[in-house]
C-alpha cells in the first residue's frame, strides 16, 4: 500500500511572515493540527499545535511574532508514491510519532 492510497488532504498553508495569531486562527478554521509554512520559493517547514504551545509557553506575542520564528524546519516527510511500510520504518528510525502526509510532502523532502 502506498501513501497516496490514503488520499491525503491538500495541505493548508501559512506564510512565514504571518503572525502566530493568524496561524492559530487558520488551524482552528480548517480543523487541522499542522500548517505548511511557505515563502516565495515554496515550502520551508511546518507549524504545528506543538510549535504554538511552545511559543505561548515562551511568552511570544501572538500578534507580533511571525510563524517563521516558531516553525519546525526540515520536518520528516515521505513521498506520496512511497510504501506505507517504508514511511512507518522512517518514523520509527527518527522517533517521529505523528505523521503528516499531504500533497506537498515531496516539496519539503
N, C-alpha and C. Protein backbone atom coordinates (compact mmCIF):
# COMPACT_ATOMS: atom_id res chain seq x y z
N UNK A 1 0.84 -1.17 0.00
CA UNK A 1 0.00 0.00 0.00
C UNK A 1 0.89 1.25 0.00
N UNK A 2 0.48 2.24 -0.78
CA UNK A 2 1.25 3.47 -0.89
C UNK A 2 0.59 4.60 -0.10
N UNK A 3 1.38 5.61 0.23
CA UNK A 3 0.87 6.76 0.97
C UNK A 3 -0.31 7.39 0.23
N UNK A 4 -0.18 7.55 -1.08
CA UNK A 4 -1.25 8.21 -1.84
C UNK A 4 -2.56 7.45 -1.80
N UNK A 5 -2.53 6.16 -1.45
CA UNK A 5 -3.75 5.37 -1.34
C UNK A 5 -4.63 5.86 -0.18
N UNK A 6 -4.04 6.60 0.74
CA UNK A 6 -4.80 7.16 1.87
C UNK A 6 -5.51 8.45 1.48
N UNK A 7 -5.28 8.90 0.26
CA UNK A 7 -5.89 10.14 -0.26
C UNK A 7 -5.65 11.31 0.70
N UNK A 8 -4.38 11.68 0.88
CA UNK A 8 -4.08 12.78 1.79
C UNK A 8 -4.73 14.08 1.36
N UNK A 9 -5.10 14.90 2.34
CA UNK A 9 -5.70 16.20 2.07
C UNK A 9 -4.69 17.14 1.44
N UNK A 10 -5.19 18.11 0.72
CA UNK A 10 -4.34 19.19 0.26
C UNK A 10 -3.90 19.97 1.48
N UNK A 11 -2.63 20.30 1.54
CA UNK A 11 -2.09 20.98 2.71
C UNK A 11 -2.66 22.38 2.85
N UNK A 12 -2.85 22.80 4.08
CA UNK A 12 -3.24 24.16 4.40
C UNK A 12 -1.94 24.91 4.69
N UNK A 13 -1.78 26.07 4.08
CA UNK A 13 -0.51 26.78 4.19
C UNK A 13 -0.64 28.07 4.98
N UNK A 14 0.53 28.57 5.40
CA UNK A 14 0.64 29.84 6.09
C UNK A 14 1.97 30.45 5.65
N UNK A 15 1.99 31.76 5.48
CA UNK A 15 3.22 32.44 5.11
C UNK A 15 4.18 32.55 6.29
N UNK A 16 5.44 32.47 6.00
CA UNK A 16 6.47 32.54 7.02
C UNK A 16 6.37 33.81 7.87
N UNK A 17 5.92 34.90 7.28
CA UNK A 17 5.85 36.18 7.98
C UNK A 17 4.52 36.45 8.67
N UNK A 18 3.55 35.56 8.50
CA UNK A 18 2.25 35.77 9.16
C UNK A 18 2.39 35.60 10.67
N UNK A 19 1.51 36.26 11.40
CA UNK A 19 1.61 36.22 12.86
C UNK A 19 1.14 34.88 13.42
N UNK A 20 1.56 34.62 14.63
CA UNK A 20 1.11 33.40 15.31
C UNK A 20 -0.40 33.38 15.46
N UNK A 21 -1.00 34.54 15.70
CA UNK A 21 -2.46 34.60 15.83
C UNK A 21 -3.13 34.20 14.50
N UNK A 22 -2.61 34.70 13.38
CA UNK A 22 -3.18 34.35 12.08
C UNK A 22 -3.06 32.83 11.84
N UNK A 23 -1.92 32.27 12.18
CA UNK A 23 -1.72 30.84 12.01
C UNK A 23 -2.64 30.04 12.92
N UNK A 24 -2.80 30.51 14.14
CA UNK A 24 -3.68 29.84 15.10
C UNK A 24 -5.12 29.85 14.59
N UNK A 25 -5.53 30.96 14.04
CA UNK A 25 -6.88 31.07 13.50
C UNK A 25 -7.07 30.10 12.33
N UNK A 26 -6.05 29.97 11.50
CA UNK A 26 -6.13 29.04 10.37
C UNK A 26 -6.21 27.60 10.85
N UNK A 27 -5.43 27.25 11.89
CA UNK A 27 -5.51 25.90 12.46
C UNK A 27 -6.95 25.61 12.90
N UNK A 28 -7.54 26.57 13.59
CA UNK A 28 -8.90 26.39 14.10
C UNK A 28 -9.93 26.37 12.98
N UNK A 29 -9.84 27.31 12.05
CA UNK A 29 -10.82 27.41 10.96
C UNK A 29 -10.83 26.17 10.07
N UNK A 30 -9.64 25.63 9.83
CA UNK A 30 -9.53 24.48 8.93
C UNK A 30 -9.50 23.15 9.67
N UNK A 31 -9.60 23.20 11.01
CA UNK A 31 -9.64 22.00 11.84
C UNK A 31 -8.48 21.05 11.53
N UNK A 32 -7.27 21.62 11.56
CA UNK A 32 -6.05 20.84 11.32
C UNK A 32 -5.08 21.07 12.46
N UNK A 33 -4.10 20.22 12.58
CA UNK A 33 -3.10 20.35 13.63
C UNK A 33 -1.76 20.83 13.14
N UNK A 34 -1.63 21.00 11.81
CA UNK A 34 -0.35 21.44 11.25
C UNK A 34 -0.60 22.21 9.96
N UNK A 35 0.22 23.24 9.77
CA UNK A 35 0.18 24.05 8.55
C UNK A 35 1.53 23.95 7.86
N UNK A 36 1.53 23.96 6.54
CA UNK A 36 2.78 24.01 5.80
C UNK A 36 3.18 25.47 5.66
N UNK A 37 4.40 25.79 6.07
CA UNK A 37 4.90 27.17 6.01
C UNK A 37 5.56 27.38 4.66
N UNK A 38 5.15 28.46 3.99
CA UNK A 38 5.67 28.73 2.65
C UNK A 38 6.29 30.12 2.59
N UNK A 39 7.17 30.30 1.60
CA UNK A 39 7.65 31.62 1.22
C UNK A 39 7.66 31.64 -0.30
N UNK A 40 8.25 32.64 -0.90
CA UNK A 40 8.22 32.78 -2.36
C UNK A 40 8.84 31.57 -3.07
N UNK A 41 9.75 30.89 -2.41
CA UNK A 41 10.42 29.74 -3.02
C UNK A 41 9.72 28.41 -2.80
N UNK A 42 8.63 28.41 -2.06
CA UNK A 42 7.91 27.16 -1.79
C UNK A 42 7.85 26.84 -0.31
N UNK A 43 7.65 25.58 -0.02
CA UNK A 43 7.52 25.12 1.37
C UNK A 43 8.87 25.16 2.08
N UNK A 44 8.86 25.69 3.32
CA UNK A 44 10.10 25.80 4.08
C UNK A 44 10.03 25.13 5.45
N UNK A 45 8.86 24.64 5.83
CA UNK A 45 8.72 23.99 7.12
C UNK A 45 7.26 23.74 7.45
N UNK A 46 7.01 23.41 8.71
CA UNK A 46 5.64 23.21 9.18
C UNK A 46 5.46 23.96 10.50
N UNK A 47 4.22 24.35 10.76
CA UNK A 47 3.86 24.98 12.02
C UNK A 47 2.74 24.16 12.62
N UNK A 48 2.98 23.60 13.79
CA UNK A 48 2.03 22.68 14.41
C UNK A 48 1.48 23.24 15.72
N UNK A 49 0.48 22.55 16.23
CA UNK A 49 -0.07 22.91 17.54
C UNK A 49 1.03 22.86 18.59
N UNK A 50 1.96 21.94 18.45
CA UNK A 50 3.06 21.82 19.40
C UNK A 50 3.97 23.05 19.30
N UNK A 51 4.23 23.53 18.08
CA UNK A 51 5.03 24.75 17.92
C UNK A 51 4.33 25.94 18.57
N UNK A 52 3.01 26.01 18.41
CA UNK A 52 2.23 27.08 19.02
C UNK A 52 2.33 27.01 20.55
N UNK A 53 2.16 25.83 21.10
CA UNK A 53 2.23 25.67 22.56
C UNK A 53 3.60 26.11 23.08
N UNK A 54 4.65 25.76 22.36
CA UNK A 54 6.00 26.15 22.76
C UNK A 54 6.15 27.67 22.74
N UNK A 55 5.62 28.31 21.70
CA UNK A 55 5.71 29.77 21.58
C UNK A 55 4.94 30.46 22.71
N UNK A 56 3.74 29.97 23.01
CA UNK A 56 2.94 30.55 24.09
C UNK A 56 3.66 30.37 25.43
N UNK A 57 4.20 29.20 25.67
CA UNK A 57 4.91 28.94 26.92
C UNK A 57 6.13 29.85 27.07
N UNK A 58 6.73 30.23 25.93
CA UNK A 58 7.90 31.11 25.95
C UNK A 58 7.51 32.59 26.02
N UNK A 59 6.20 32.89 26.05
CA UNK A 59 5.74 34.26 26.19
C UNK A 59 5.67 35.05 24.89
N UNK A 60 5.58 34.37 23.75
CA UNK A 60 5.53 35.07 22.46
C UNK A 60 4.29 35.94 22.35
N UNK A 61 4.43 37.09 21.70
CA UNK A 61 3.31 37.98 21.41
C UNK A 61 2.62 37.43 20.16
N UNK A 62 1.42 36.91 20.30
CA UNK A 62 0.73 36.25 19.20
C UNK A 62 0.45 37.17 18.02
N UNK A 63 0.34 38.47 18.28
CA UNK A 63 0.05 39.41 17.20
C UNK A 63 1.30 39.92 16.50
N UNK A 64 2.44 39.82 17.14
CA UNK A 64 3.68 40.36 16.58
C UNK A 64 4.68 39.30 16.11
N UNK A 65 4.68 38.16 16.75
CA UNK A 65 5.67 37.12 16.46
C UNK A 65 5.32 36.39 15.16
N UNK A 66 6.26 36.31 14.21
CA UNK A 66 5.97 35.62 12.95
C UNK A 66 6.10 34.09 13.09
N UNK A 67 5.33 33.42 12.28
CA UNK A 67 5.35 31.96 12.25
C UNK A 67 6.77 31.44 12.00
N UNK A 68 7.49 32.13 11.11
CA UNK A 68 8.84 31.69 10.75
C UNK A 68 9.80 31.56 11.90
N UNK A 69 9.56 32.28 12.98
CA UNK A 69 10.43 32.18 14.16
C UNK A 69 10.05 31.00 15.05
N UNK A 70 8.95 30.35 14.76
CA UNK A 70 8.43 29.30 15.63
C UNK A 70 8.12 28.00 14.92
N UNK A 71 8.41 27.91 13.65
CA UNK A 71 8.08 26.71 12.87
C UNK A 71 9.14 25.63 13.05
N UNK A 72 8.80 24.45 12.61
CA UNK A 72 9.75 23.34 12.56
C UNK A 72 10.32 23.30 11.15
N UNK A 73 11.61 23.51 11.04
CA UNK A 73 12.26 23.46 9.74
C UNK A 73 12.63 22.02 9.40
N UNK A 74 12.64 21.72 8.11
CA UNK A 74 13.04 20.40 7.61
C UNK A 74 12.34 19.26 8.34
N UNK A 75 11.01 19.24 8.35
CA UNK A 75 10.31 18.14 9.02
C UNK A 75 10.47 16.83 8.27
N UNK A 76 10.21 15.75 8.95
CA UNK A 76 10.23 14.43 8.34
C UNK A 76 9.14 14.37 7.28
N UNK A 77 9.48 13.96 6.09
CA UNK A 77 8.50 13.85 5.01
C UNK A 77 8.62 12.50 4.33
N UNK A 78 7.59 12.16 3.60
CA UNK A 78 7.59 10.93 2.80
C UNK A 78 7.05 11.26 1.41
N UNK A 79 7.44 10.47 0.45
CA UNK A 79 6.95 10.64 -0.91
C UNK A 79 5.55 10.05 -1.02
N UNK A 80 4.69 10.68 -1.80
CA UNK A 80 3.32 10.18 -1.96
C UNK A 80 3.31 8.78 -2.58
N UNK A 81 4.29 8.48 -3.42
CA UNK A 81 4.34 7.17 -4.06
C UNK A 81 5.09 6.14 -3.23
N UNK A 82 5.56 6.55 -2.06
CA UNK A 82 6.30 5.65 -1.19
C UNK A 82 5.40 4.63 -0.52
N UNK A 83 6.00 3.52 -0.13
CA UNK A 83 5.26 2.45 0.53
C UNK A 83 4.98 2.83 1.99
N UNK A 84 3.80 2.46 2.45
CA UNK A 84 3.41 2.75 3.83
C UNK A 84 4.41 2.15 4.81
N UNK A 85 4.86 0.93 4.55
CA UNK A 85 5.83 0.29 5.44
C UNK A 85 7.12 1.07 5.55
N UNK A 86 7.56 1.65 4.43
CA UNK A 86 8.78 2.47 4.45
C UNK A 86 8.58 3.73 5.29
N UNK A 87 7.39 4.32 5.19
CA UNK A 87 7.09 5.51 5.97
C UNK A 87 7.10 5.19 7.46
N UNK A 88 6.51 4.07 7.84
CA UNK A 88 6.48 3.67 9.25
C UNK A 88 7.90 3.40 9.74
N UNK A 89 8.72 2.75 8.92
CA UNK A 89 10.11 2.49 9.30
C UNK A 89 10.87 3.79 9.51
N UNK A 90 10.65 4.77 8.62
CA UNK A 90 11.31 6.07 8.73
C UNK A 90 10.89 6.78 10.01
N UNK A 91 9.61 6.69 10.34
CA UNK A 91 9.13 7.29 11.58
C UNK A 91 9.77 6.63 12.79
N UNK A 92 9.86 5.31 12.78
CA UNK A 92 10.47 4.59 13.90
C UNK A 92 11.94 4.93 14.05
N UNK A 93 12.66 5.06 12.93
CA UNK A 93 14.09 5.37 12.96
C UNK A 93 14.37 6.74 13.55
N UNK A 94 13.47 7.69 13.30
CA UNK A 94 13.70 9.07 13.73
C UNK A 94 12.97 9.44 15.01
N UNK A 95 12.12 8.54 15.51
CA UNK A 95 11.36 8.84 16.72
C UNK A 95 10.15 9.72 16.48
N UNK A 96 9.77 9.87 15.23
CA UNK A 96 8.58 10.67 14.88
C UNK A 96 7.34 9.88 15.25
N UNK A 97 6.44 10.52 16.02
CA UNK A 97 5.24 9.80 16.42
C UNK A 97 3.97 10.34 15.77
N UNK A 98 4.09 11.42 14.99
CA UNK A 98 2.91 12.00 14.35
C UNK A 98 3.20 12.26 12.88
N UNK A 99 2.66 11.43 12.01
CA UNK A 99 2.88 11.68 10.58
C UNK A 99 2.01 12.80 10.07
N UNK A 100 2.46 13.49 9.07
CA UNK A 100 1.58 14.41 8.33
C UNK A 100 1.88 14.15 6.87
N UNK A 101 0.87 13.76 6.21
CA UNK A 101 1.01 13.43 4.80
C UNK A 101 0.13 14.36 4.01
N UNK A 102 0.70 15.04 3.07
CA UNK A 102 -0.09 15.98 2.29
C UNK A 102 0.38 15.98 0.85
N UNK A 103 -0.32 16.73 0.05
CA UNK A 103 0.03 16.80 -1.36
C UNK A 103 1.28 17.61 -1.62
N UNK A 104 1.84 18.26 -0.60
CA UNK A 104 3.08 19.00 -0.80
C UNK A 104 4.27 18.31 -0.14
N UNK A 105 4.10 17.12 0.35
CA UNK A 105 5.17 16.43 1.08
C UNK A 105 6.45 16.34 0.26
N UNK A 106 6.34 16.09 -1.03
CA UNK A 106 7.54 15.94 -1.84
C UNK A 106 8.31 17.24 -1.96
N UNK A 107 7.65 18.38 -1.85
CA UNK A 107 8.37 19.66 -1.97
C UNK A 107 9.15 19.98 -0.70
N UNK A 108 8.86 19.31 0.40
CA UNK A 108 9.61 19.54 1.63
C UNK A 108 10.75 18.54 1.80
N UNK A 109 10.69 17.43 1.09
CA UNK A 109 11.65 16.35 1.27
C UNK A 109 12.96 16.66 0.75
